[in-house]
Structure formats: C-alpha cells, structure tokens
Amino acid sequence: MTIRNGFSTVTPYLVTDDLDGLLAFMRHALGAEETLRARGSGGGVHVELRVGDSMLMVGGASRRASAMLFLYVDDPDAWHARALQAGATSTMAPADTTDGERRAGVKDAFGNDWWFGRPQ
C-alpha cells in the first residue's frame, strides 16, 4: 500500500457549506496549518490541513458537515477553552474518565464534534 507522505491509512474529510468559516475555526481552535489548496474535479475547493501529526481534508459543498473527530493532545482543558473561544459549544467539560483518560468535547458551528483527550 502506498500512502502519501505525512498521511495515515485513514484521513478524515470534512464537507461544509461554509469552507472559509470552518477553516478559520480549525486554524484558531486547533492550530491547523494549511498545506494544500486546489480546485477539485467537481469545481469546488479542496484543502488539506495538518493538525499536530495528523492530516485532514476539507471541501466545500452545499450541505453541512457532520463528523466526529478525536484528537490526542497535551492539554485537553486548554484545547477545549480555545475551541470555545473560536465559537464552538461544549458537549463535555474537561473531566477525568473511568478509562484513564482526561477528555473534553465541543461542537463547532458546522455540525462537527471534536474530542480532545490524553492518557492520565
């Protein structure tokens, strides 16, 4: 199997009707860095972003996105706070869980759920 450099076997692809807004949220809340922007085969915009050591793809469409993404981070509390400042709503306040992780969750204005966690 050949995988592009920097990518893993599974790469999430988000679809949104507000591409600029979702990209701004991802930059501010997640520290996403845009690595590629291209015109897709259907005429829409295709964007690739790096968050930490992971890649995400985002495209514009006439429908809202709906995905759940889990990010392992160094400080779930700080990531949760940063996402709220970027306009997300909390779905789970930062807390220690029974399976030995600290987690927090938010929903962005584009219909995506983001979970931040770290092992205890």
PDB file of N, CA and C in Angstrom:
ATOM      1  N   MET A   1       0.841  -1.171   0.000  1.00  0.00           N
ATOM      2  CA  MET A   1       0.000   0.000   0.000  1.00  0.00           C
ATOM      3  C   MET A   1       0.891   1.240   0.000  1.00  0.00           C
ATOM      4  N   THR A   2       0.572   2.180  -0.853  1.00  0.00           N
ATOM      5  CA  THR A   2       1.309   3.440  -0.910  1.00  0.00           C
ATOM      6  C   THR A   2       0.459   4.537  -0.292  1.00  0.00           C
ATOM      7  N   ILE A   3       1.052   5.249   0.658  1.00  0.00           N
ATOM      8  CA  ILE A   3       0.362   6.346   1.328  1.00  0.00           C
ATOM      9  C   ILE A   3       1.195   7.603   1.150  1.00  0.00           C
ATOM     10  N   ARG A   4       0.530   8.717   0.847  1.00  0.00           N
ATOM     11  CA  ARG A   4       1.240   9.985   0.688  1.00  0.00           C
ATOM     12  C   ARG A   4       2.014  10.327   1.950  1.00  0.00           C
ATOM     13  N   ASN A   5       3.142  10.947   1.779  1.00  0.00           N
ATOM     14  CA  ASN A   5       3.977  11.356   2.895  1.00  0.00           C
ATOM     15  C   ASN A   5       3.185  12.269   3.836  1.00  0.00           C
ATOM     16  N   GLY A   6       3.217  11.965   5.129  1.00  0.00           N
ATOM     17  CA  GLY A   6       2.514  12.757   6.127  1.00  0.00           C
ATOM     18  C   GLY A   6       1.101  12.297   6.412  1.00  0.00           C
ATOM     19  N   PHE A   7       0.575  11.388   5.616  1.00  0.00           N
ATOM     20  CA  PHE A   7      -0.790  10.902   5.800  1.00  0.00           C
ATOM     21  C   PHE A   7      -0.760   9.528   6.469  1.00  0.00           C
ATOM     22  N   SER A   8      -1.899   9.110   6.998  1.00  0.00           N
ATOM     23  CA  SER A   8      -2.035   7.771   7.557  1.00  0.00           C
ATOM     24  C   SER A   8      -3.093   7.021   6.751  1.00  0.00           C
ATOM     25  N   THR A   9      -3.358   5.797   7.129  1.00  0.00           N
ATOM     26  CA  THR A   9      -4.293   4.967   6.374  1.00  0.00           C
ATOM     27  C   THR A   9      -5.679   5.597   6.274  1.00  0.00           C
ATOM     28  N   VAL A  10      -6.148   6.189   7.348  1.00  0.00           N
ATOM     29  CA  VAL A  10      -7.450   6.845   7.354  1.00  0.00           C
ATOM     30  C   VAL A  10      -7.239   8.343   7.531  1.00  0.00           C
ATOM     31  N   THR A  11      -7.774   9.136   6.616  1.00  0.00           N
ATOM     32  CA  THR A  11      -7.683  10.589   6.703  1.00  0.00           C
ATOM     33  C   THR A  11      -9.097  11.154   6.681  1.00  0.00           C
ATOM     34  N   PRO A  12      -9.519  11.818   7.752  1.00  0.00           N
ATOM     35  CA  PRO A  12     -10.859  12.399   7.766  1.00  0.00           C
ATOM     36  C   PRO A  12     -11.009  13.464   6.682  1.00  0.00           C
ATOM     37  N   TYR A  13     -12.192  13.500   6.063  1.00  0.00           N
ATOM     38  CA  TYR A  13     -12.522  14.505   5.065  1.00  0.00           C
ATOM     39  C   TYR A  13     -13.830  15.155   5.491  1.00  0.00           C
ATOM     40  N   LEU A  14     -13.774  16.444   5.806  1.00  0.00           N
ATOM     41  CA  LEU A  14     -14.954  17.185   6.221  1.00  0.00           C
ATOM     42  C   LEU A  14     -15.532  17.927   5.029  1.00  0.00           C
ATOM     43  N   VAL A  15     -16.854  17.983   4.959  1.00  0.00           N
ATOM     44  CA  VAL A  15     -17.549  18.695   3.892  1.00  0.00           C
ATOM     45  C   VAL A  15     -18.434  19.740   4.559  1.00  0.00           C
ATOM     46  N   THR A  16     -18.375  20.968   4.049  1.00  0.00           N
ATOM     47  CA  THR A  16     -19.125  22.058   4.664  1.00  0.00           C
ATOM     48  C   THR A  16     -19.660  23.021   3.627  1.00  0.00           C
ATOM     49  N   ASP A  17     -20.734  23.720   4.006  1.00  0.00           N
ATOM     50  CA  ASP A  17     -21.258  24.761   3.128  1.00  0.00           C
ATOM     51  C   ASP A  17     -20.658  26.125   3.477  1.00  0.00           C
ATOM     52  N   ASP A  18     -19.748  26.165   4.454  1.00  0.00           N
ATOM     53  CA  ASP A  18     -19.049  27.403   4.830  1.00  0.00           C
ATOM     54  C   ASP A  18     -17.561  27.084   4.987  1.00  0.00           C
ATOM     55  N   LEU A  19     -16.896  26.885   3.872  1.00  0.00           N
ATOM     56  CA  LEU A  19     -15.499  26.480   3.874  1.00  0.00           C
ATOM     57  C   LEU A  19     -14.614  27.484   4.602  1.00  0.00           C
ATOM     58  N   ASP A  20     -14.751  28.756   4.310  1.00  0.00           N
ATOM     59  CA  ASP A  20     -13.901  29.764   4.951  1.00  0.00           C
ATOM     60  C   ASP A  20     -14.111  29.784   6.462  1.00  0.00           C
ATOM     61  N   GLY A  21     -15.349  29.664   6.896  1.00  0.00           N
ATOM     62  CA  GLY A  21     -15.635  29.667   8.325  1.00  0.00           C
ATOM     63  C   GLY A  21     -15.055  28.465   9.036  1.00  0.00           C
ATOM     64  N   LEU A  22     -15.213  27.273   8.442  1.00  0.00           N
ATOM     65  CA  LEU A  22     -14.663  26.064   9.058  1.00  0.00           C
ATOM     66  C   LEU A  22     -13.140  26.124   9.105  1.00  0.00           C
ATOM     67  N   LEU A  23     -12.512  26.602   8.034  1.00  0.00           N
ATOM     68  CA  LEU A  23     -11.050  26.712   8.026  1.00  0.00           C
ATOM     69  C   LEU A  23     -10.572  27.695   9.086  1.00  0.00           C
ATOM     70  N   ALA A  24     -11.271  28.805   9.257  1.00  0.00           N
ATOM     71  CA  ALA A  24     -10.896  29.785  10.285  1.00  0.00           C
ATOM     72  C   ALA A  24     -11.015  29.159  11.672  1.00  0.00           C
ATOM     73  N   PHE A  25     -12.092  28.408  11.907  1.00  0.00           N
ATOM     74  CA  PHE A  25     -12.260  27.721  13.196  1.00  0.00           C
ATOM     75  C   PHE A  25     -11.111  26.746  13.435  1.00  0.00           C
ATOM     76  N   MET A  26     -10.783  25.948  12.437  1.00  0.00           N
ATOM     77  CA  MET A  26      -9.734  24.945  12.597  1.00  0.00           C
ATOM     78  C   MET A  26      -8.378  25.597  12.853  1.00  0.00           C
ATOM     79  N   ARG A  27      -8.106  26.715  12.192  1.00  0.00           N
ATOM     80  CA  ARG A  27      -6.842  27.426  12.426  1.00  0.00           C
ATOM     81  C   ARG A  27      -6.777  27.966  13.853  1.00  0.00           C
ATOM     82  N   HIS A  28      -7.852  28.629  14.277  1.00  0.00           N
ATOM     83  CA  HIS A  28      -7.858  29.276  15.590  1.00  0.00           C
ATOM     84  C   HIS A  28      -7.952  28.253  16.728  1.00  0.00           C
ATOM     85  N   ALA A  29      -8.889  27.326  16.638  1.00  0.00           N
ATOM     86  CA  ALA A  29      -9.148  26.393  17.737  1.00  0.00           C
ATOM     87  C   ALA A  29      -8.167  25.228  17.788  1.00  0.00           C
ATOM     88  N   LEU A  30      -7.703  24.781  16.617  1.00  0.00           N
ATOM     89  CA  LEU A  30      -6.901  23.564  16.557  1.00  0.00           C
ATOM     90  C   LEU A  30      -5.460  23.800  16.131  1.00  0.00           C
ATOM     91  N   GLY A  31      -5.123  25.013  15.754  1.00  0.00           N
ATOM     92  CA  GLY A  31      -3.777  25.297  15.276  1.00  0.00           C
ATOM     93  C   GLY A  31      -3.496  24.670  13.925  1.00  0.00           C
ATOM     94  N   ALA A  32      -4.537  24.431  13.134  1.00  0.00           N
ATOM     95  CA  ALA A  32      -4.381  23.787  11.829  1.00  0.00           C
ATOM     96  C   ALA A  32      -3.539  24.648  10.896  1.00  0.00           C
ATOM     97  N   GLU A  33      -2.673  23.980  10.140  1.00  0.00           N
ATOM     98  CA  GLU A  33      -1.846  24.639   9.135  1.00  0.00           C
ATOM     99  C   GLU A  33      -2.215  24.109   7.763  1.00  0.00           C
ATOM    100  N   GLU A  34      -2.612  25.015   6.871  1.00  0.00           N
ATOM    101  CA  GLU A  34      -2.979  24.627   5.517  1.00  0.00           C
ATOM    102  C   GLU A  34      -1.732  24.211   4.755  1.00  0.00           C
ATOM    103  N   THR A  35      -1.781  23.029   4.129  1.00  0.00           N
ATOM    104  CA  THR A  35      -0.638  22.532   3.362  1.00  0.00           C
ATOM    105  C   THR A  35      -0.920  22.490   1.862  1.00  0.00           C
ATOM    106  N   LEU A  36      -2.202  22.500   1.481  1.00  0.00           N
ATOM    107  CA  LEU A  36      -2.551  22.432   0.056  1.00  0.00           C
ATOM    108  C   LEU A  36      -3.940  22.996  -0.143  1.00  0.00           C
ATOM    109  N   ARG A  37      -4.110  23.737  -1.229  1.00  0.00           N
ATOM    110  CA  ARG A  37      -5.420  24.224  -1.648  1.00  0.00           C
ATOM    111  C   ARG A  37      -5.479  24.036  -3.145  1.00  0.00           C
ATOM    112  N   ALA A  38      -6.532  23.363  -3.615  1.00  0.00           N
ATOM    113  CA  ALA A  38      -6.656  23.085  -5.044  1.00  0.00           C
ATOM    114  C   ALA A  38      -8.125  23.109  -5.441  1.00  0.00           C
ATOM    115  N   ARG A  39      -8.348  23.251  -6.734  1.00  0.00           N
ATOM    116  CA  ARG A  39      -9.692  23.157  -7.290  1.00  0.00           C
ATOM    117  C   ARG A  39      -9.978  21.675  -7.490  1.00  0.00           C
ATOM    118  N   GLY A  40     -11.092  21.190  -6.903  1.00  0.00           N
ATOM    119  CA  GLY A  40     -11.454  19.788  -7.034  1.00  0.00           C
ATOM    120  C   GLY A  40     -11.996  19.475  -8.406  1.00  0.00           C
ATOM    121  N   SER A  41     -12.121  18.181  -8.693  1.00  0.00           N
ATOM    122  CA  SER A  41     -12.589  17.760 -10.016  1.00  0.00           C
ATOM    123  C   SER A  41     -14.015  18.229 -10.292  1.00  0.00           C
ATOM    124  N   GLY A  42     -14.819  18.422  -9.233  1.00  0.00           N
ATOM    125  CA  GLY A  42     -16.179  18.907  -9.413  1.00  0.00           C
ATOM    126  C   GLY A  42     -16.281  20.413  -9.423  1.00  0.00           C
ATOM    127  N   GLY A  43     -15.133  21.114  -9.373  1.00  0.00           N
ATOM    128  CA  GLY A  43     -15.122  22.558  -9.416  1.00  0.00           C
ATOM    129  C   GLY A  43     -15.066  23.225  -8.052  1.00  0.00           C
ATOM    130  N   GLY A  44     -15.241  22.456  -6.976  1.00  0.00           N
ATOM    131  CA  GLY A  44     -15.171  23.015  -5.627  1.00  0.00           C
ATOM    132  C   GLY A  44     -13.734  23.135  -5.149  1.00  0.00           C
ATOM    133  N   VAL A  45     -13.572  23.676  -3.948  1.00  0.00           N
ATOM    134  CA  VAL A  45     -12.246  23.854  -3.360  1.00  0.00           C
ATOM    135  C   VAL A  45     -11.930  22.662  -2.459  1.00  0.00           C
ATOM    136  N   HIS A  46     -10.709  22.162  -2.589  1.00  0.00           N
ATOM    137  CA  HIS A  46     -10.183  21.068  -1.775  1.00  0.00           C
ATOM    138  C   HIS A  46      -9.007  21.625  -0.983  1.00  0.00           C
ATOM    139  N   VAL A  47      -9.038  21.449   0.369  1.00  0.00           N
ATOM    140  CA  VAL A  47      -7.985  21.963   1.233  1.00  0.00           C
ATOM    141  C   VAL A  47      -7.467  20.827   2.109  1.00  0.00           C
ATOM    142  N   GLU A  48      -6.143  20.780   2.276  1.00  0.00           N
ATOM    143  CA  GLU A  48      -5.521  19.815   3.182  1.00  0.00           C
ATOM    144  C   GLU A  48      -4.848  20.587   4.304  1.00  0.00           C
ATOM    145  N   LEU A  49      -5.031  20.091   5.536  1.00  0.00           N
ATOM    146  CA  LEU A  49      -4.502  20.767   6.715  1.00  0.00           C
ATOM    147  C   LEU A  49      -3.803  19.773   7.625  1.00  0.00           C
ATOM    148  N   ARG A  50      -2.793  20.267   8.331  1.00  0.00           N
ATOM    149  CA  ARG A  50      -2.084  19.468   9.326  1.00  0.00           C
ATOM    150  C   ARG A  50      -2.468  19.995  10.705  1.00  0.00           C
ATOM    151  N   VAL A  51      -2.866  19.072  11.584  1.00  0.00           N
ATOM    152  CA  VAL A  51      -3.116  19.363  12.996  1.00  0.00           C
ATOM    153  C   VAL A  51      -2.205  18.424  13.770  1.00  0.00           C
ATOM    154  N   GLY A  52      -1.161  18.979  14.375  1.00  0.00           N
ATOM    155  CA  GLY A  52      -0.180  18.117  15.043  1.00  0.00           C
ATOM    156  C   GLY A  52       0.475  17.215  14.026  1.00  0.00           C
ATOM    157  N   ASP A  53       0.397  15.896  14.260  1.00  0.00           N
ATOM    158  CA  ASP A  53       0.995  14.937  13.325  1.00  0.00           C
ATOM    159  C   ASP A  53      -0.042  14.293  12.411  1.00  0.00           C
ATOM    160  N   SER A  54      -1.236  14.894  12.318  1.00  0.00           N
ATOM    161  CA  SER A  54      -2.330  14.311  11.539  1.00  0.00           C
ATOM    162  C   SER A  54      -2.766  15.238  10.411  1.00  0.00           C
ATOM    163  N   MET A  55      -3.257  14.631   9.359  1.00  0.00           N
ATOM    164  CA  MET A  55      -3.762  15.376   8.218  1.00  0.00           C
ATOM    165  C   MET A  55      -5.278  15.267   8.153  1.00  0.00           C
ATOM    166  N   LEU A  56      -5.910  16.355   7.720  1.00  0.00           N
ATOM    167  CA  LEU A  56      -7.345  16.405   7.470  1.00  0.00           C
ATOM    168  C   LEU A  56      -7.556  17.011   6.096  1.00  0.00           C
ATOM    169  N   MET A  57      -8.645  16.616   5.444  1.00  0.00           N
ATOM    170  CA  MET A  57      -9.034  17.214   4.178  1.00  0.00           C
ATOM    171  C   MET A  57     -10.387  17.878   4.371  1.00  0.00           C
ATOM    172  N   VAL A  58     -10.576  19.018   3.727  1.00  0.00           N
ATOM    173  CA  VAL A  58     -11.829  19.762   3.840  1.00  0.00           C
ATOM    174  C   VAL A  58     -12.246  20.218   2.453  1.00  0.00           C
ATOM    175  N   GLY A  59     -13.529  20.090   2.171  1.00  0.00           N
ATOM    176  CA  GLY A  59     -14.051  20.546   0.889  1.00  0.00           C
ATOM    177  C   GLY A  59     -15.340  21.306   1.062  1.00  0.00           C
ATOM    178  N   GLY A  60     -15.604  22.194   0.136  1.00  0.00           N
ATOM    179  CA  GLY A  60     -16.836  22.961   0.161  1.00  0.00           C
ATOM    180  C   GLY A  60     -17.926  22.257  -0.615  1.00  0.00           C
ATOM    181  N   ALA A  61     -19.138  22.310  -0.090  1.00  0.00           N
ATOM    182  CA  ALA A  61     -20.296  21.719  -0.759  1.00  0.00           C
ATOM    183  C   ALA A  61     -21.540  22.440  -0.272  1.00  0.00           C
ATOM    184  N   SER A  62     -22.659  22.112  -0.846  1.00  0.00           N
ATOM    185  CA  SER A  62     -23.903  22.787  -0.482  1.00  0.00           C
ATOM    186  C   SER A  62     -24.616  22.089   0.674  1.00  0.00           C
ATOM    187  N   ARG A  63     -23.910  21.227   1.415  1.00  0.00           N
ATOM    188  CA  ARG A  63     -24.520  20.577   2.580  1.00  0.00           C
ATOM    189  C   ARG A  63     -23.615  20.756   3.788  1.00  0.00           C
ATOM    190  N   ARG A  64     -24.200  20.662   4.962  1.00  0.00           N
ATOM    191  CA  ARG A  64     -23.437  20.840   6.202  1.00  0.00           C
ATOM    192  C   ARG A  64     -22.611  19.601   6.505  1.00  0.00           C
ATOM    193  N   ALA A  65     -21.514  19.826   7.186  1.00  0.00           N
ATOM    194  CA  ALA A  65     -20.650  18.732   7.614  1.00  0.00           C
ATOM    195  C   ALA A  65     -21.240  18.059   8.836  1.00  0.00           C
ATOM    196  N   SER A  66     -20.833  16.832   9.049  1.00  0.00           N
ATOM    197  CA  SER A  66     -21.207  16.117  10.258  1.00  0.00           C
ATOM    198  C   SER A  66     -20.202  15.003  10.460  1.00  0.00           C
ATOM    199  N   ALA A  67     -19.283  15.240  11.384  1.00  0.00           N
ATOM    200  CA  ALA A  67     -18.248  14.248  11.667  1.00  0.00           C
ATOM    201  C   ALA A  67     -17.891  14.319  13.136  1.00  0.00           C
ATOM    202  N   MET A  68     -17.299  13.247  13.652  1.00  0.00           N
ATOM    203  CA  MET A  68     -16.749  13.234  14.997  1.00  0.00           C
ATOM    204  C   MET A  68     -15.272  12.933  14.854  1.00  0.00           C
ATOM    205  N   LEU A  69     -14.446  13.786  15.464  1.00  0.00           N
ATOM    206  CA  LEU A  69     -13.009  13.636  15.361  1.00  0.00           C
ATOM    207  C   LEU A  69     -12.404  13.642  16.757  1.00  0.00           C
ATOM    208  N   PHE A  70     -11.488  12.712  16.996  1.00  0.00           N
ATOM    209  CA  PHE A  70     -10.823  12.613  18.294  1.00  0.00           C
ATOM    210  C   PHE A  70      -9.366  12.975  18.114  1.00  0.00           C
ATOM    211  N   LEU A  71      -8.907  13.936  18.903  1.00  0.00           N
ATOM    212  CA  LEU A  71      -7.518  14.372  18.830  1.00  0.00           C
ATOM    213  C   LEU A  71      -6.846  14.102  20.169  1.00  0.00           C
ATOM    214  N   TYR A  72      -5.720  13.394  20.136  1.00  0.00           N
ATOM    215  CA  TYR A  72      -4.902  13.273  21.339  1.00  0.00           C
ATOM    216  C   TYR A  72      -4.043  14.523  21.425  1.00  0.00           C
ATOM    217  N   VAL A  73      -4.135  15.213  22.556  1.00  0.00           N
ATOM    218  CA  VAL A  73      -3.436  16.478  22.749  1.00  0.00           C
ATOM    219  C   VAL A  73      -2.755  16.489  24.107  1.00  0.00           C
ATOM    220  N   ASP A  74      -1.873  17.456  24.319  1.00  0.00           N
ATOM    221  CA  ASP A  74      -1.146  17.537  25.582  1.00  0.00           C
ATOM    222  C   ASP A  74      -2.004  18.099  26.710  1.00  0.00           C
ATOM    223  N   ASP A  75      -2.991  18.941  26.412  1.00  0.00           N
ATOM    224  CA  ASP A  75      -3.787  19.608  27.438  1.00  0.00           C
ATOM    225  C   ASP A  75      -5.241  19.764  26.962  1.00  0.00           C
ATOM    226  N   PRO A  76      -6.088  18.741  27.204  1.00  0.00           N
ATOM    227  CA  PRO A  76      -7.479  18.820  26.744  1.00  0.00           C
ATOM    228  C   PRO A  76      -8.219  20.052  27.253  1.00  0.00           C
ATOM    229  N   ASP A  77      -7.908  20.486  28.471  1.00  0.00           N
ATOM    230  CA  ASP A  77      -8.580  21.658  29.042  1.00  0.00           C
ATOM    231  C   ASP A  77      -8.296  22.900  28.189  1.00  0.00           C
ATOM    232  N   ALA A  78      -7.050  23.094  27.814  1.00  0.00           N
ATOM    233  CA  ALA A  78      -6.666  24.260  27.023  1.00  0.00           C
ATOM    234  C   ALA A  78      -7.273  24.192  25.622  1.00  0.00           C
ATOM    235  N   TRP A  79      -7.277  23.025  25.012  1.00  0.00           N
ATOM    236  CA  TRP A  79      -7.856  22.879  23.674  1.00  0.00           C
ATOM    237  C   TRP A  79      -9.357  23.142  23.720  1.00  0.00           C
ATOM    238  N   HIS A  80     -10.030  22.652  24.760  1.00  0.00           N
ATOM    239  CA  HIS A  80     -11.456  22.881  24.949  1.00  0.00           C
ATOM    240  C   HIS A  80     -11.715  24.387  25.047  1.00  0.00           C
ATOM    241  N   ALA A  81     -10.953  25.080  25.885  1.00  0.00           N
ATOM    242  CA  ALA A  81     -11.122  26.521  26.064  1.00  0.00           C
ATOM    243  C   ALA A  81     -10.882  27.273  24.760  1.00  0.00           C
ATOM    244  N   ARG A  82      -9.857  26.890  24.029  1.00  0.00           N
ATOM    245  CA  ARG A  82      -9.537  27.563  22.773  1.00  0.00           C
ATOM    246  C   ARG A  82     -10.659  27.362  21.747  1.00  0.00           C
ATOM    247  N   ALA A  83     -11.224  26.151  21.712  1.00  0.00           N
ATOM    248  CA  ALA A  83     -12.324  25.888  20.785  1.00  0.00           C
ATOM    249  C   ALA A  83     -13.560  26.712  21.150  1.00  0.00           C
ATOM    250  N   LEU A  84     -13.842  26.863  22.449  1.00  0.00           N
ATOM    251  CA  LEU A  84     -14.967  27.695  22.873  1.00  0.00           C
ATOM    252  C   LEU A  84     -14.742  29.145  22.457  1.00  0.00           C
ATOM    253  N   GLN A  85     -13.513  29.627  22.593  1.00  0.00           N
ATOM    254  CA  GLN A  85     -13.197  30.993  22.164  1.00  0.00           C
ATOM    255  C   GLN A  85     -13.372  31.162  20.662  1.00  0.00           C
ATOM    256  N   ALA A  86     -13.219  30.065  19.927  1.00  0.00           N
ATOM    257  CA  ALA A  86     -13.364  30.113  18.472  1.00  0.00           C
ATOM    258  C   ALA A  86     -14.818  29.946  18.034  1.00  0.00           C
ATOM    259  N   GLY A  87     -15.740  29.815  18.998  1.00  0.00           N
ATOM    260  CA  GLY A  87     -17.149  29.757  18.649  1.00  0.00           C
ATOM    261  C   GLY A  87     -17.818  28.413  18.811  1.00  0.00           C
ATOM    262  N   ALA A  88     -17.107  27.406  19.281  1.00  0.00           N
ATOM    263  CA  ALA A  88     -17.707  26.092  19.499  1.00  0.00           C
ATOM    264  C   ALA A  88     -18.559  26.110  20.767  1.00  0.00           C
ATOM    265  N   THR A  89     -19.419  25.103  20.913  1.00  0.00           N
ATOM    266  CA  THR A  89     -20.178  24.926  22.150  1.00  0.00           C
ATOM    267  C   THR A  89     -19.697  23.647  22.822  1.00  0.00           C
ATOM    268  N   SER A  90     -19.681  23.646  24.131  1.00  0.00           N
ATOM    269  CA  SER A  90     -19.182  22.499  24.880  1.00  0.00           C
ATOM    270  C   SER A  90     -20.195  21.356  24.859  1.00  0.00           C
ATOM    271  N   THR A  91     -19.720  20.152  24.584  1.00  0.00           N
ATOM    272  CA  THR A  91     -20.545  18.953  24.698  1.00  0.00           C
ATOM    273  C   THR A  91     -20.110  18.116  25.893  1.00  0.00           C
ATOM    274  N   MET A  92     -18.887  18.345  26.373  1.00  0.00           N
ATOM    275  CA  MET A  92     -18.382  17.699  27.577  1.00  0.00           C
ATOM    276  C   MET A  92     -17.278  18.574  28.159  1.00  0.00           C
ATOM    277  N   ALA A  93     -17.515  19.066  29.361  1.00  0.00           N
ATOM    278  CA  ALA A  93     -16.485  19.850  30.037  1.00  0.00           C
ATOM    279  C   ALA A  93     -15.290  18.947  30.309  1.00  0.00           C
ATOM    280  N   PRO A  94     -14.086  19.482  30.376  1.00  0.00           N
ATOM    281  CA  PRO A  94     -12.911  18.657  30.661  1.00  0.00           C
ATOM    282  C   PRO A  94     -13.109  17.861  31.948  1.00  0.00           C
ATOM    283  N   ALA A  95     -12.824  16.556  31.855  1.00  0.00           N
ATOM    284  CA  ALA A  95     -13.022  15.676  33.011  1.00  0.00           C
ATOM    285  C   ALA A  95     -12.157  14.435  32.874  1.00  0.00           C
ATOM    286  N   ASP A  96     -11.805  13.846  34.014  1.00  0.00           N
ATOM    287  CA  ASP A  96     -11.136  12.545  34.038  1.00  0.00           C
ATOM    288  C   ASP A  96     -12.196  11.477  33.843  1.00  0.00           C
ATOM    289  N   THR A  97     -11.915  10.495  32.987  1.00  0.00           N
ATOM    290  CA  THR A  97     -12.886   9.449  32.685  1.00  0.00           C
ATOM    291  C   THR A  97     -12.488   8.141  33.363  1.00  0.00           C
ATOM    292  N   THR A  98     -13.432   7.222  33.432  1.00  0.00           N
ATOM    293  CA  THR A  98     -13.191   5.946  34.118  1.00  0.00           C
ATOM    294  C   THR A  98     -12.214   5.048  33.372  1.00  0.00           C
ATOM    295  N   ASP A  99     -11.943   5.336  32.102  1.00  0.00           N
ATOM    296  CA  ASP A  99     -10.990   4.511  31.354  1.00  0.00           C
ATOM    297  C   ASP A  99      -9.577   5.089  31.387  1.00  0.00           C
ATOM    298  N   GLY A 100      -9.347   6.063  32.284  1.00  0.00           N
ATOM    299  CA  GLY A 100      -7.991   6.545  32.491  1.00  0.00           C
ATOM    300  C   GLY A 100      -7.535   7.665  31.587  1.00  0.00           C
ATOM    301  N   GLU A 101      -8.472   8.363  30.943  1.00  0.00           N
ATOM    302  CA  GLU A 101      -8.101   9.497  30.109  1.00  0.00           C
ATOM    303  C   GLU A 101      -8.767  10.762  30.636  1.00  0.00           C
ATOM    304  N   ARG A 102      -8.191  11.884  30.296  1.00  0.00           N
ATOM    305  CA  ARG A 102      -8.835  13.182  30.524  1.00  0.00           C
ATOM    306  C   ARG A 102      -9.372  13.612  29.175  1.00  0.00           C
ATOM    307  N   ARG A 103     -10.663  13.979  29.144  1.00  0.00           N
ATOM    308  CA  ARG A 103     -11.305  14.310  27.871  1.00  0.00           C
ATOM    309  C   ARG A 103     -12.163  15.554  27.984  1.00  0.00           C
ATOM    310  N   ALA A 104     -12.396  16.156  26.830  1.00  0.00           N
ATOM    311  CA  ALA A 104     -13.323  17.271  26.682  1.00  0.00           C
ATOM    312  C   ALA A 104     -13.899  17.213  25.274  1.00  0.00           C
ATOM    313  N   GLY A 105     -15.094  17.755  25.097  1.00  0.00           N
ATOM    314  CA  GLY A 105     -15.715  17.729  23.780  1.00  0.00           C
ATOM    315  C   GLY A 105     -16.394  19.034  23.439  1.00  0.00           C
ATOM    316  N   VAL A 106     -16.396  19.356  22.140  1.00  0.00           N
ATOM    317  CA  VAL A 106     -17.080  20.551  21.638  1.00  0.00           C
ATOM    318  C   VAL A 106     -17.762  20.220  20.315  1.00  0.00           C
ATOM    319  N   LYS A 107     -18.728  21.071  19.964  1.00  0.00           N
ATOM    320  CA  LYS A 107     -19.355  21.003  18.639  1.00  0.00           C
ATOM    321  C   LYS A 107     -19.114  22.346  17.972  1.00  0.00           C
ATOM    322  N   ASP A 108     -18.584  22.307  16.751  1.00  0.00           N
ATOM    323  CA  ASP A 108     -18.382  23.565  16.040  1.00  0.00           C
ATOM    324  C   ASP A 108     -19.685  23.995  15.364  1.00  0.00           C
ATOM    325  N   ALA A 109     -19.699  25.194  14.844  1.00  0.00           N
ATOM    326  CA  ALA A 109     -20.898  25.748  14.215  1.00  0.00           C
ATOM    327  C   ALA A 109     -21.232  25.063  12.901  1.00  0.00           C
ATOM    328  N   PHE A 110     -20.391  24.139  12.467  1.00  0.00           N
ATOM    329  CA  PHE A 110     -20.556  23.484  11.173  1.00  0.00           C
ATOM    330  C   PHE A 110     -21.071  22.058  11.321  1.00  0.00           C
ATOM    331  N   GLY A 111     -21.414  21.648  12.569  1.00  0.00           N
ATOM    332  CA  GLY A 111     -22.005  20.341  12.810  1.00  0.00           C
ATOM    333  C   GLY A 111     -21.015  19.247  13.154  1.00  0.00           C
ATOM    334  N   ASN A 112     -19.750  19.575  13.354  1.00  0.00           N
ATOM    335  CA  ASN A 112     -18.732  18.572  13.673  1.00  0.00           C
ATOM    336  C   ASN A 112     -18.489  18.516  15.176  1.00  0.00           C
ATOM    337  N   ASP A 113     -18.337  17.305  15.701  1.00  0.00           N
ATOM    338  CA  ASP A 113     -17.963  17.110  17.095  1.00  0.00           C
ATOM    339  C   ASP A 113     -16.465  16.864  17.172  1.00  0.00           C
ATOM    340  N   TRP A 114     -15.798  17.585  18.080  1.00  0.00           N
ATOM    341  CA  TRP A 114     -14.355  17.466  18.284  1.00  0.00           C
ATOM    342  C   TRP A 114     -14.125  17.011  19.717  1.00  0.00           C
ATOM    343  N   TRP A 115     -13.341  15.949  19.896  1.00  0.00           N
ATOM    344  CA  TRP A 115     -12.990  15.428  21.209  1.00  0.00           C
ATOM    345  C   TRP A 115     -11.498  15.581  21.407  1.00  0.00           C
ATOM    346  N   PHE A 116     -11.124  16.055  22.580  1.00  0.00           N
ATOM    347  CA  PHE A 116      -9.722  16.237  22.932  1.00  0.00           C
ATOM    348  C   PHE A 116      -9.435  15.333  24.121  1.00  0.00           C
ATOM    349  N   GLY A 117      -8.356  14.564  24.054  1.00  0.00           N
ATOM    350  CA  GLY A 117      -8.053  13.665  25.161  1.00  0.00           C
ATOM    351  C   GLY A 117      -6.567  13.423  25.320  1.00  0.00           C
ATOM    352  N   ARG A 118      -6.239  12.914  26.504  1.00  0.00           N
ATOM    353  CA  ARG A 118      -4.863  12.485  26.778  1.00  0.00           C
ATOM    354  C   ARG A 118      -4.932  11.409  27.850  1.00  0.00           C
ATOM    355  N   PRO A 119      -4.044  10.422  27.753  1.00  0.00           N
ATOM    356  CA  PRO A 119      -3.987   9.414  28.811  1.00  0.00           C
ATOM    357  C   PRO A 119      -3.531  10.066  30.118  1.00  0.00           C
ATOM    358  N   GLN A 120      -4.048   9.547  31.235  1.00  0.00           N
ATOM    359  CA  GLN A 120      -3.650  10.075  32.558  1.00  0.00           C
ATOM    360  C   GLN A 120      -2.251   9.636  32.914  1.00  0.00           C
TER     361      GLN A 120
END
